[in-house]
Structures are given as C-alpha cells and as structure tokens.
Amino acid sequence: MPSVLAAPPPAGTPVPPAIARLAEHHPVELVWQNETGGITARIDRPSGSVYVKWSPAGSGESLADEAERMRWLAQAGSLTVPRVVAHAADAAGATLVTAAIDAASIVSAAGLRDPERAAAALGEGLRRLHALPVAGCPFPAPDWTASALDHASAIGGTGPDDRVVCHGDPCAPNTLIADGRFAGLVDLGRVGVGDRWSDLAIASWSLEWNGLAEAEPAFWRAYGIERDAVRVARWRALWDPPVDDD
C-alpha cells in the first residue's frame, strides 16, 4: 500500500485564497486533498456547479497538463470526462475549473453501498479508456511509470509491454458512477500511452485501500481480462518505490 493516500481534507482546512476568489459569494465545499497539498473544491453557482482544483507552486502537479488531456479525451471518444471551464496560474499556484458531472465517486456512500457494482464501474472505465487508439494519443507514458522503472531491476523487471492509453492514477476515487453504473473519469493529469498493467495493478489494489477488497473479482470481470498475478505484483511494487538511504 502507498505510504501516503489522498483523502477528504480534515475539518477546519482553510479554503485556499485562489478558490475563495473563484467562489465569490457562492457556497464552497472542500472535497479532496492530494498528497502534494493540492485541494479540490465544489462551488455551487446558479449557472451550474463547478469543481476547482488548486495546486500550490512547486507541487510538481501540472494542471495545465491535466486541462490539455481532458480536452483531448473529450474529443477522442465516447468517454465522459469533466469539461474544462478555465485554467490559470500565478506565483502561489494554479487552478483548474471544470463543470461538475452529475455523478459520485465510487468511494462515496453511494458506491460503498454496492461494492460489486462499484468495482465493476472501475473496470469498465479503464476498459473504455484503454480502448482509445494509441496512435492518436499525443501524451507520453505517465511519469510514475518511468520513475518506477528505475527500481525495476530489484524485482526482475515489469514484463512485456502492453501499450494502451493509460490513466496514470487509476485509483478508485477517480471513477464516477450514476445509478450504480460507470459515469466518467476524473483526475486525468497523468494520462498517456503506457503499459496496460500499470493501470490494472493499481486500480485493483486501490479497491483494498477503499474498503472494496472483496469486490476485486468484479473489477476483472468488467474489464474482461484474467488477473495476471505476476504483472500485478510487479507494478504494485513499483507504485510507491522506496527512498534510497544513500
């Protein structure tokens, strides 16, 4: 399991000034905090709700990259992703505003009520993403896979390459459901052409982190592939590589 997990921000977390400015007088709810200190908030506007991601300067997270990928995905095929409304950056950090999708994360109360359907939605979402033509994707392999390969020799490599359009951060919270069915993907800043099993290994593992471990077989059935224990183990070992002591 990774050493640090993203999660809803603790009570009392201050609203970043950039989000407060965008919210103006409209209701704002902080919904997520990632490992680098980035915050995601929902703002309910009369014209429609939006989500605002804010990343502090120096976090290593590029919201410009995510906006570019979402725009490409929106026109690449029949896969629902957030519509980009605005993107901006200043000395303090960057913001990305997207239109809300009428759906909930599979790790929400709605998803956790039916683990089998939640896990199946995760598998279906990746199956649809991986079906996009590789030749049309202009983005390289997700950064974590390239960095992880530096550690591959310790565990005997990662096995044959099976190239698809990867999510890059396919953890369960990044899949949305509506009425128990797959409804869209979010957190798309690492999308790029990479090894299919890098997504499958981490997505299936994330079911365990989010209380859905027993439903993992439904994930594989929905994706339509047999679980390859060797590839799964190799990519999971590379997901959170150890820090060198020397």
C-alpha atoms as a PDB file:
ATOM      1  CA  MET A   1       0.000   0.000   0.000  1.00  0.00           C
ATOM      2  CA  PRO A   2       1.305   3.520  -0.752  1.00  0.00           C
ATOM      3  CA  SER A   3       2.812   5.377   2.181  1.00  0.00           C
ATOM      4  CA  VAL A   4       0.520   8.398   1.645  1.00  0.00           C
ATOM      5  CA  LEU A   5      -3.066   8.414   0.392  1.00  0.00           C
ATOM      6  CA  ALA A   6      -5.199  11.278  -0.867  1.00  0.00           C
ATOM      7  CA  ALA A   7      -8.421  11.802   1.095  1.00  0.00           C
ATOM      8  CA  PRO A   8     -11.064  14.369   2.015  1.00  0.00           C
ATOM      9  CA  PRO A   9      -9.396  17.279   3.838  1.00  0.00           C
ATOM     10  CA  PRO A  10      -9.715  17.320   7.630  1.00  0.00           C
ATOM     11  CA  ALA A  11     -12.275  19.590   9.258  1.00  0.00           C
ATOM     12  CA  GLY A  12     -11.049  23.141   9.584  1.00  0.00           C
ATOM     13  CA  THR A  13      -8.852  23.048   6.468  1.00  0.00           C
ATOM     14  CA  PRO A  14      -8.723  26.639   5.180  1.00  0.00           C
ATOM     15  CA  VAL A  15     -10.037  27.447   1.727  1.00  0.00           C
ATOM     16  CA  PRO A  16      -7.083  28.412  -0.486  1.00  0.00           C
ATOM     17  CA  PRO A  17      -7.348  32.101  -1.466  1.00  0.00           C
ATOM     18  CA  ALA A  18      -7.459  31.233  -5.180  1.00  0.00           C
ATOM     19  CA  ILE A  19     -10.533  29.057  -4.612  1.00  0.00           C
ATOM     20  CA  ALA A  20     -12.145  31.674  -2.370  1.00  0.00           C
ATOM     21  CA  ARG A  21     -11.770  34.268  -5.118  1.00  0.00           C
ATOM     22  CA  LEU A  22     -13.431  31.991  -7.648  1.00  0.00           C
ATOM     23  CA  ALA A  23     -16.235  31.126  -5.230  1.00  0.00           C
ATOM     24  CA  GLU A  24     -17.064  34.790  -4.578  1.00  0.00           C
ATOM     25  CA  HIS A  25     -20.292  34.639  -2.521  1.00  0.00           C
ATOM     26  CA  HIS A  26     -21.356  31.173  -3.719  1.00  0.00           C
ATOM     27  CA  PRO A  27     -21.289  28.064  -1.483  1.00  0.00           C
ATOM     28  CA  VAL A  28     -17.942  26.245  -1.483  1.00  0.00           C
ATOM     29  CA  GLU A  29     -17.149  22.770  -0.154  1.00  0.00           C
ATOM     30  CA  LEU A  30     -13.663  21.302   0.116  1.00  0.00           C
ATOM     31  CA  VAL A  31     -13.922  17.721  -1.114  1.00  0.00           C
ATOM     32  CA  TRP A  32     -10.397  16.357  -1.633  1.00  0.00           C
ATOM     33  CA  GLN A  33      -6.763  16.876  -0.686  1.00  0.00           C
ATOM     34  CA  ASN A  34      -3.940  15.136  -2.503  1.00  0.00           C
ATOM     35  CA  GLU A  35      -0.500  14.032  -1.373  1.00  0.00           C
ATOM     36  CA  THR A  36       1.181  17.262  -2.521  1.00  0.00           C
ATOM     37  CA  GLY A  37      -1.188  19.597  -0.665  1.00  0.00           C
ATOM     38  CA  GLY A  38      -3.475  20.300  -3.596  1.00  0.00           C
ATOM     39  CA  ILE A  39      -7.133  20.953  -2.797  1.00  0.00           C
ATOM     40  CA  THR A  40     -10.280  20.248  -4.804  1.00  0.00           C
ATOM     41  CA  ALA A  41     -13.466  22.167  -4.013  1.00  0.00           C
ATOM     42  CA  ARG A  42     -17.020  22.201  -5.291  1.00  0.00           C
ATOM     43  CA  ILE A  43     -18.609  25.597  -5.930  1.00  0.00           C
ATOM     44  CA  ASP A  44     -22.373  25.741  -6.437  1.00  0.00           C
ATOM     45  CA  ARG A  45     -23.177  28.556  -8.852  1.00  0.00           C
ATOM     46  CA  PRO A  46     -26.662  29.430 -10.155  1.00  0.00           C
ATOM     47  CA  SER A  47     -25.407  28.690 -13.667  1.00  0.00           C
ATOM     48  CA  GLY A  48     -24.202  25.231 -12.640  1.00  0.00           C
ATOM     49  CA  SER A  49     -21.826  23.645 -10.167  1.00  0.00           C
ATOM     50  CA  VAL A  50     -18.101  23.501 -10.886  1.00  0.00           C
ATOM     51  CA  TYR A  51     -15.102  21.836  -9.337  1.00  0.00           C
ATOM     52  CA  VAL A  52     -11.916  23.804  -8.747  1.00  0.00           C
ATOM     53  CA  LYS A  53      -8.563  22.089  -8.332  1.00  0.00           C
ATOM     54  CA  TRP A  54      -5.799  24.155  -6.778  1.00  0.00           C
ATOM     55  CA  SER A  55      -2.160  23.058  -6.713  1.00  0.00           C
ATOM     56  CA  PRO A  56       0.426  25.020  -4.745  1.00  0.00           C
ATOM     57  CA  ALA A  57       3.503  26.274  -6.589  1.00  0.00           C
ATOM     58  CA  GLY A  58       6.295  23.725  -6.537  1.00  0.00           C
ATOM     59  CA  SER A  59       3.963  20.758  -6.013  1.00  0.00           C
ATOM     60  CA  GLY A  60       5.055  19.054  -9.214  1.00  0.00           C
ATOM     61  CA  GLU A  61       1.429  18.750 -10.343  1.00  0.00           C
ATOM     62  CA  SER A  62       0.666  20.418 -13.695  1.00  0.00           C
ATOM     63  CA  LEU A  63      -2.949  21.480 -14.015  1.00  0.00           C
ATOM     64  CA  ALA A  64      -2.141  22.797 -17.489  1.00  0.00           C
ATOM     65  CA  ASP A  65      -1.233  19.225 -18.460  1.00  0.00           C
ATOM     66  CA  GLU A  66      -4.497  17.971 -16.991  1.00  0.00           C
ATOM     67  CA  ALA A  67      -6.543  20.561 -18.884  1.00  0.00           C
ATOM     68  CA  GLU A  68      -4.813  19.577 -22.123  1.00  0.00           C
ATOM     69  CA  ARG A  69      -5.523  15.897 -21.529  1.00  0.00           C
ATOM     70  CA  MET A  70      -9.167  16.448 -20.642  1.00  0.00           C
ATOM     71  CA  ARG A  71      -9.705  18.468 -23.798  1.00  0.00           C
ATOM     72  CA  TRP A  72      -8.131  15.691 -25.855  1.00  0.00           C
ATOM     73  CA  LEU A  73     -10.164  12.969 -24.142  1.00  0.00           C
ATOM     74  CA  ALA A  74     -13.381  14.924 -24.651  1.00  0.00           C
ATOM     75  CA  GLN A  75     -12.925  14.735 -28.410  1.00  0.00           C
ATOM     76  CA  ALA A  76     -11.164  11.365 -28.617  1.00  0.00           C
ATOM     77  CA  GLY A  77     -14.099   9.040 -27.996  1.00  0.00           C
ATOM     78  CA  SER A  78     -17.246   8.182 -26.073  1.00  0.00           C
ATOM     79  CA  LEU A  79     -15.744   8.610 -22.610  1.00  0.00           C
ATOM     80  CA  THR A  80     -17.190  11.123 -20.156  1.00  0.00           C
ATOM     81  CA  VAL A  81     -14.617  13.438 -18.577  1.00  0.00           C
ATOM     82  CA  PRO A  82     -15.033  16.874 -16.971  1.00  0.00           C
ATOM     83  CA  ARG A  83     -15.413  19.823 -19.337  1.00  0.00           C
ATOM     84  CA  VAL A  84     -12.661  22.395 -18.864  1.00  0.00           C
ATOM     85  CA  VAL A  85     -14.075  25.817 -17.948  1.00  0.00           C
ATOM     86  CA  ALA A  86     -10.909  27.737 -17.073  1.00  0.00           C
ATOM     87  CA  HIS A  87      -7.259  27.367 -16.131  1.00  0.00           C
ATOM     88  CA  ALA A  88      -4.985  29.949 -14.526  1.00  0.00           C
ATOM     89  CA  ALA A  89      -1.706  30.182 -12.635  1.00  0.00           C
ATOM     90  CA  ASP A  90       0.137  32.719 -10.502  1.00  0.00           C
ATOM     91  CA  ALA A  91       3.093  32.780  -8.118  1.00  0.00           C
ATOM     92  CA  ALA A  92       1.132  30.927  -5.425  1.00  0.00           C
ATOM     93  CA  GLY A  93      -0.086  28.061  -7.569  1.00  0.00           C
ATOM     94  CA  ALA A  94      -2.513  27.032 -10.300  1.00  0.00           C
ATOM     95  CA  THR A  95      -6.253  26.475 -10.594  1.00  0.00           C
ATOM     96  CA  LEU A  96      -8.325  24.332 -12.935  1.00  0.00           C
ATOM     97  CA  VAL A  97     -12.088  24.833 -13.135  1.00  0.00           C
ATOM     98  CA  THR A  98     -14.265  22.088 -14.609  1.00  0.00           C
ATOM     99  CA  ALA A  99     -18.000  21.634 -14.987  1.00  0.00           C
ATOM    100  CA  ALA A 100     -19.472  19.185 -12.496  1.00  0.00           C
ATOM    101  CA  ILE A 101     -20.599  15.781 -13.762  1.00  0.00           C
ATOM    102  CA  ASP A 102     -23.883  14.597 -12.240  1.00  0.00           C
ATOM    103  CA  ALA A 103     -22.286  11.565 -10.600  1.00  0.00           C
ATOM    104  CA  ALA A 104     -20.439  10.446  -7.465  1.00  0.00           C
ATOM    105  CA  SER A 105     -17.108   8.775  -6.792  1.00  0.00           C
ATOM    106  CA  ILE A 106     -17.257   5.016  -6.353  1.00  0.00           C
ATOM    107  CA  VAL A 107     -15.832   5.505  -2.848  1.00  0.00           C
ATOM    108  CA  SER A 108     -18.773   7.734  -1.861  1.00  0.00           C
ATOM    109  CA  ALA A 109     -21.576   6.369   0.310  1.00  0.00           C
ATOM    110  CA  ALA A 110     -23.498   5.553  -2.883  1.00  0.00           C
ATOM    111  CA  GLY A 111     -20.641   3.455  -4.214  1.00  0.00           C
ATOM    112  CA  LEU A 112     -19.803   1.699  -0.981  1.00  0.00           C
ATOM    113  CA  ARG A 113     -23.397   0.512  -0.601  1.00  0.00           C
ATOM    114  CA  ASP A 114     -22.856  -1.843  -3.549  1.00  0.00           C
ATOM    115  CA  PRO A 115     -19.188  -2.878  -3.722  1.00  0.00           C
ATOM    116  CA  GLU A 116     -19.686  -5.235  -6.671  1.00  0.00           C
ATOM    117  CA  ARG A 117     -21.162  -2.528  -8.887  1.00  0.00           C
ATOM    118  CA  ALA A 118     -18.542  -0.026  -7.726  1.00  0.00           C
ATOM    119  CA  ALA A 119     -15.694  -2.382  -8.612  1.00  0.00           C
ATOM    120  CA  ALA A 120     -17.325  -3.183 -11.948  1.00  0.00           C
ATOM    121  CA  ALA A 121     -17.567   0.533 -12.749  1.00  0.00           C
ATOM    122  CA  LEU A 122     -13.837   0.876 -12.096  1.00  0.00           C
ATOM    123  CA  GLY A 123     -13.131  -1.964 -14.513  1.00  0.00           C
ATOM    124  CA  GLU A 124     -15.491  -0.632 -17.162  1.00  0.00           C
ATOM    125  CA  GLY A 125     -13.993   2.842 -17.030  1.00  0.00           C
ATOM    126  CA  LEU A 126     -10.482   1.543 -17.636  1.00  0.00           C
ATOM    127  CA  ARG A 127     -11.712  -0.793 -20.384  1.00  0.00           C
ATOM    128  CA  ARG A 128     -13.214   2.185 -22.224  1.00  0.00           C
ATOM    129  CA  LEU A 129     -10.122   4.326 -21.728  1.00  0.00           C
ATOM    130  CA  HIS A 130      -7.776   1.563 -22.838  1.00  0.00           C
ATOM    131  CA  ALA A 131      -9.864   1.060 -25.993  1.00  0.00           C
ATOM    132  CA  LEU A 132      -8.912   4.509 -27.330  1.00  0.00           C
ATOM    133  CA  PRO A 133      -6.494   4.336 -30.279  1.00  0.00           C
ATOM    134  CA  VAL A 134      -2.904   4.528 -29.067  1.00  0.00           C
ATOM    135  CA  ALA A 135      -1.784   6.096 -32.326  1.00  0.00           C
ATOM    136  CA  GLY A 136      -3.952   9.134 -31.717  1.00  0.00           C
ATOM    137  CA  CYS A 137      -2.696   9.855 -28.197  1.00  0.00           C
ATOM    138  CA  PRO A 138      -0.077  12.644 -28.117  1.00  0.00           C
ATOM    139  CA  PHE A 139       0.915  12.120 -24.484  1.00  0.00           C
ATOM    140  CA  PRO A 140       3.844  10.031 -23.200  1.00  0.00           C
ATOM    141  CA  ALA A 141       3.762   7.381 -20.506  1.00  0.00           C
ATOM    142  CA  PRO A 142       2.724   8.615 -17.048  1.00  0.00           C
ATOM    143  CA  ASP A 143       5.699   9.971 -15.112  1.00  0.00           C
ATOM    144  CA  TRP A 144       5.370   7.497 -12.263  1.00  0.00           C
ATOM    145  CA  THR A 145       5.847   4.534 -14.580  1.00  0.00           C
ATOM    146  CA  ALA A 146       9.083   5.977 -15.964  1.00  0.00           C
ATOM    147  CA  SER A 147      10.379   6.723 -12.460  1.00  0.00           C
ATOM    148  CA  ALA A 148       9.280   3.339 -11.189  1.00  0.00           C
ATOM    149  CA  LEU A 149      11.253   1.543 -13.872  1.00  0.00           C
ATOM    150  CA  ASP A 150      14.446   2.827 -12.241  1.00  0.00           C
ATOM    151  CA  HIS A 151      13.662   0.398  -9.421  1.00  0.00           C
ATOM    152  CA  ALA A 152      12.590  -2.498 -11.647  1.00  0.00           C
ATOM    153  CA  SER A 153      15.886  -4.380 -11.503  1.00  0.00           C
ATOM    154  CA  ALA A 154      15.299  -5.110  -7.826  1.00  0.00           C
ATOM    155  CA  ILE A 155      12.228  -7.169  -8.672  1.00  0.00           C
ATOM    156  CA  GLY A 156      13.143  -8.605 -12.050  1.00  0.00           C
ATOM    157  CA  GLY A 157      11.612  -6.082 -14.445  1.00  0.00           C
ATOM    158  CA  THR A 158       7.998  -5.414 -15.378  1.00  0.00           C
ATOM    159  CA  GLY A 159       7.362  -7.974 -18.108  1.00  0.00           C
ATOM    160  CA  PRO A 160       6.253  -7.389 -21.708  1.00  0.00           C
ATOM    161  CA  ASP A 161       4.870  -4.013 -22.638  1.00  0.00           C
ATOM    162  CA  ASP A 162       1.133  -3.892 -23.451  1.00  0.00           C
ATOM    163  CA  ARG A 163       0.590  -0.361 -24.728  1.00  0.00           C
ATOM    164  CA  VAL A 164      -2.724   1.436 -24.226  1.00  0.00           C
ATOM    165  CA  VAL A 165      -3.916   4.929 -23.316  1.00  0.00           C
ATOM    166  CA  CYS A 166      -3.365   4.760 -19.543  1.00  0.00           C
ATOM    167  CA  HIS A 167      -4.984   6.818 -16.811  1.00  0.00           C
ATOM    168  CA  GLY A 168      -1.783   7.047 -14.813  1.00  0.00           C
ATOM    169  CA  ASP A 169      -3.567   7.474 -11.462  1.00  0.00           C
ATOM    170  CA  PRO A 170      -6.410   4.938 -11.752  1.00  0.00           C
ATOM    171  CA  CYS A 171      -7.260   4.753  -8.045  1.00  0.00           C
ATOM    172  CA  ALA A 172     -10.892   4.079  -7.178  1.00  0.00           C
ATOM    173  CA  PRO A 173     -11.870   7.656  -6.174  1.00  0.00           C
ATOM    174  CA  ASN A 174     -11.155   8.795  -9.749  1.00  0.00           C
ATOM    175  CA  THR A 175     -14.041   6.775 -11.214  1.00  0.00           C
ATOM    176  CA  LEU A 176     -17.580   8.183 -11.089  1.00  0.00           C
ATOM    177  CA  ILE A 177     -20.911   6.359 -11.008  1.00  0.00           C
ATOM    178  CA  ALA A 178     -24.528   7.360 -11.517  1.00  0.00           C
ATOM    179  CA  ASP A 179     -27.349   4.977 -10.599  1.00  0.00           C
ATOM    180  CA  GLY A 180     -24.685   2.373  -9.851  1.00  0.00           C
ATOM    181  CA  ARG A 181     -23.173   2.494 -13.340  1.00  0.00           C
ATOM    182  CA  PHE A 182     -19.943   3.901 -14.717  1.00  0.00           C
ATOM    183  CA  ALA A 183     -20.385   7.615 -15.443  1.00  0.00           C
ATOM    184  CA  GLY A 184     -16.943   9.142 -16.010  1.00  0.00           C
ATOM    185  CA  LEU A 185     -13.276   9.552 -15.087  1.00  0.00           C
ATOM    186  CA  VAL A 186     -11.548  12.393 -13.248  1.00  0.00           C
ATOM    187  CA  ASP A 187      -8.030  13.375 -12.109  1.00  0.00           C
ATOM    188  CA  LEU A 188      -6.590  12.961 -15.589  1.00  0.00           C
ATOM    189  CA  GLY A 189      -3.303  14.830 -15.402  1.00  0.00           C
ATOM    190  CA  ARG A 190      -1.190  11.702 -15.980  1.00  0.00           C
ATOM    191  CA  VAL A 191      -2.990  10.250 -18.995  1.00  0.00           C
ATOM    192  CA  GLY A 192      -0.539   8.889 -21.564  1.00  0.00           C
ATOM    193  CA  VAL A 193       0.488   5.842 -23.567  1.00  0.00           C
ATOM    194  CA  GLY A 194       1.849   3.178 -21.238  1.00  0.00           C
ATOM    195  CA  ASP A 195       1.618  -0.416 -20.091  1.00  0.00           C
ATOM    196  CA  ARG A 196      -1.968  -1.623 -19.563  1.00  0.00           C
ATOM    197  CA  TRP A 197      -0.930  -3.479 -16.423  1.00  0.00           C
ATOM    198  CA  SER A 198       0.363  -0.364 -14.703  1.00  0.00           C
ATOM    199  CA  ASP A 199      -3.261   0.843 -14.601  1.00  0.00           C
ATOM    200  CA  LEU A 200      -4.824  -2.536 -13.867  1.00  0.00           C
ATOM    201  CA  ALA A 201      -2.485  -3.369 -10.987  1.00  0.00           C
ATOM    202  CA  ILE A 202      -3.023  -0.079  -9.177  1.00  0.00           C
ATOM    203  CA  ALA A 203      -6.748   0.245  -9.859  1.00  0.00           C
ATOM    204  CA  SER A 204      -7.456  -3.221  -8.489  1.00  0.00           C
ATOM    205  CA  TRP A 205      -5.173  -2.590  -5.492  1.00  0.00           C
ATOM    206  CA  SER A 206      -6.970   0.660  -4.707  1.00  0.00           C
ATOM    207  CA  LEU A 207     -10.157  -1.299  -4.047  1.00  0.00           C
ATOM    208  CA  GLU A 208      -8.407  -2.640  -0.947  1.00  0.00           C
ATOM    209  CA  TRP A 209      -7.423   0.841   0.267  1.00  0.00           C
ATOM    210  CA  ASN A 210     -11.021   1.985  -0.046  1.00  0.00           C
ATOM    211  CA  GLY A 211     -12.827  -0.882   1.675  1.00  0.00           C
ATOM    212  CA  LEU A 212     -13.805  -2.740  -1.511  1.00  0.00           C
ATOM    213  CA  ALA A 213     -11.234  -5.547  -1.498  1.00  0.00           C
ATOM    214  CA  GLU A 214     -13.771  -8.380  -1.578  1.00  0.00           C
ATOM    215  CA  ALA A 215     -15.256  -6.995  -4.802  1.00  0.00           C
ATOM    216  CA  GLU A 216     -11.996  -7.191  -6.790  1.00  0.00           C
ATOM    217  CA  PRO A 217     -13.216 -10.145  -8.942  1.00  0.00           C
ATOM    218  CA  ALA A 218     -15.998  -7.877 -10.271  1.00  0.00           C
ATOM    219  CA  PHE A 219     -13.326  -5.438 -11.443  1.00  0.00           C
ATOM    220  CA  TRP A 220     -11.592  -8.078 -13.577  1.00  0.00           C
ATOM    221  CA  ARG A 221     -14.869  -9.389 -14.979  1.00  0.00           C
ATOM    222  CA  ALA A 222     -15.962  -5.903 -16.033  1.00  0.00           C
ATOM    223  CA  TYR A 223     -12.613  -5.159 -17.638  1.00  0.00           C
ATOM    224  CA  GLY A 224     -12.702  -8.508 -19.421  1.00  0.00           C
ATOM    225  CA  ILE A 225      -9.271  -9.921 -18.649  1.00  0.00           C
ATOM    226  CA  GLU A 226      -7.798 -12.588 -16.399  1.00  0.00           C
ATOM    227  CA  ARG A 227      -5.813 -11.364 -13.433  1.00  0.00           C
ATOM    228  CA  ASP A 228      -2.090 -11.810 -14.095  1.00  0.00           C
ATOM    229  CA  ALA A 229      -0.596 -12.191 -10.630  1.00  0.00           C
ATOM    230  CA  VAL A 230       2.990 -11.681 -11.794  1.00  0.00           C
ATOM    231  CA  ARG A 231       2.331  -8.409 -13.610  1.00  0.00           C
ATOM    232  CA  VAL A 232       0.086  -7.184 -10.822  1.00  0.00           C
ATOM    233  CA  ALA A 233       2.746  -7.843  -8.199  1.00  0.00           C
ATOM    234  CA  ARG A 234       5.487  -6.174 -10.240  1.00  0.00           C
ATOM    235  CA  TRP A 235       3.576  -2.953 -10.898  1.00  0.00           C
ATOM    236  CA  ARG A 236       2.307  -2.736  -7.338  1.00  0.00           C
ATOM    237  CA  ALA A 237       5.869  -2.999  -6.060  1.00  0.00           C
ATOM    238  CA  LEU A 238       6.823  -0.084  -8.313  1.00  0.00           C
ATOM    239  CA  TRP A 239       3.910   2.210  -7.395  1.00  0.00           C
ATOM    240  CA  ASP A 240       5.492   3.627  -4.228  1.00  0.00           C
ATOM    241  CA  PRO A 241       9.224   2.930  -4.646  1.00  0.00           C
ATOM    242  CA  PRO A 242      11.411   3.185  -1.540  1.00  0.00           C
ATOM    243  CA  VAL A 243      13.583   6.250  -0.984  1.00  0.00           C
ATOM    244  CA  ASP A 244      17.290   5.469  -1.256  1.00  0.00           C
ATOM    245  CA  ASP A 245      19.118   5.802   2.031  1.00  0.00           C
ATOM    246  CA  ASP A 246      22.427   6.829   0.469  1.00  0.00           C
END
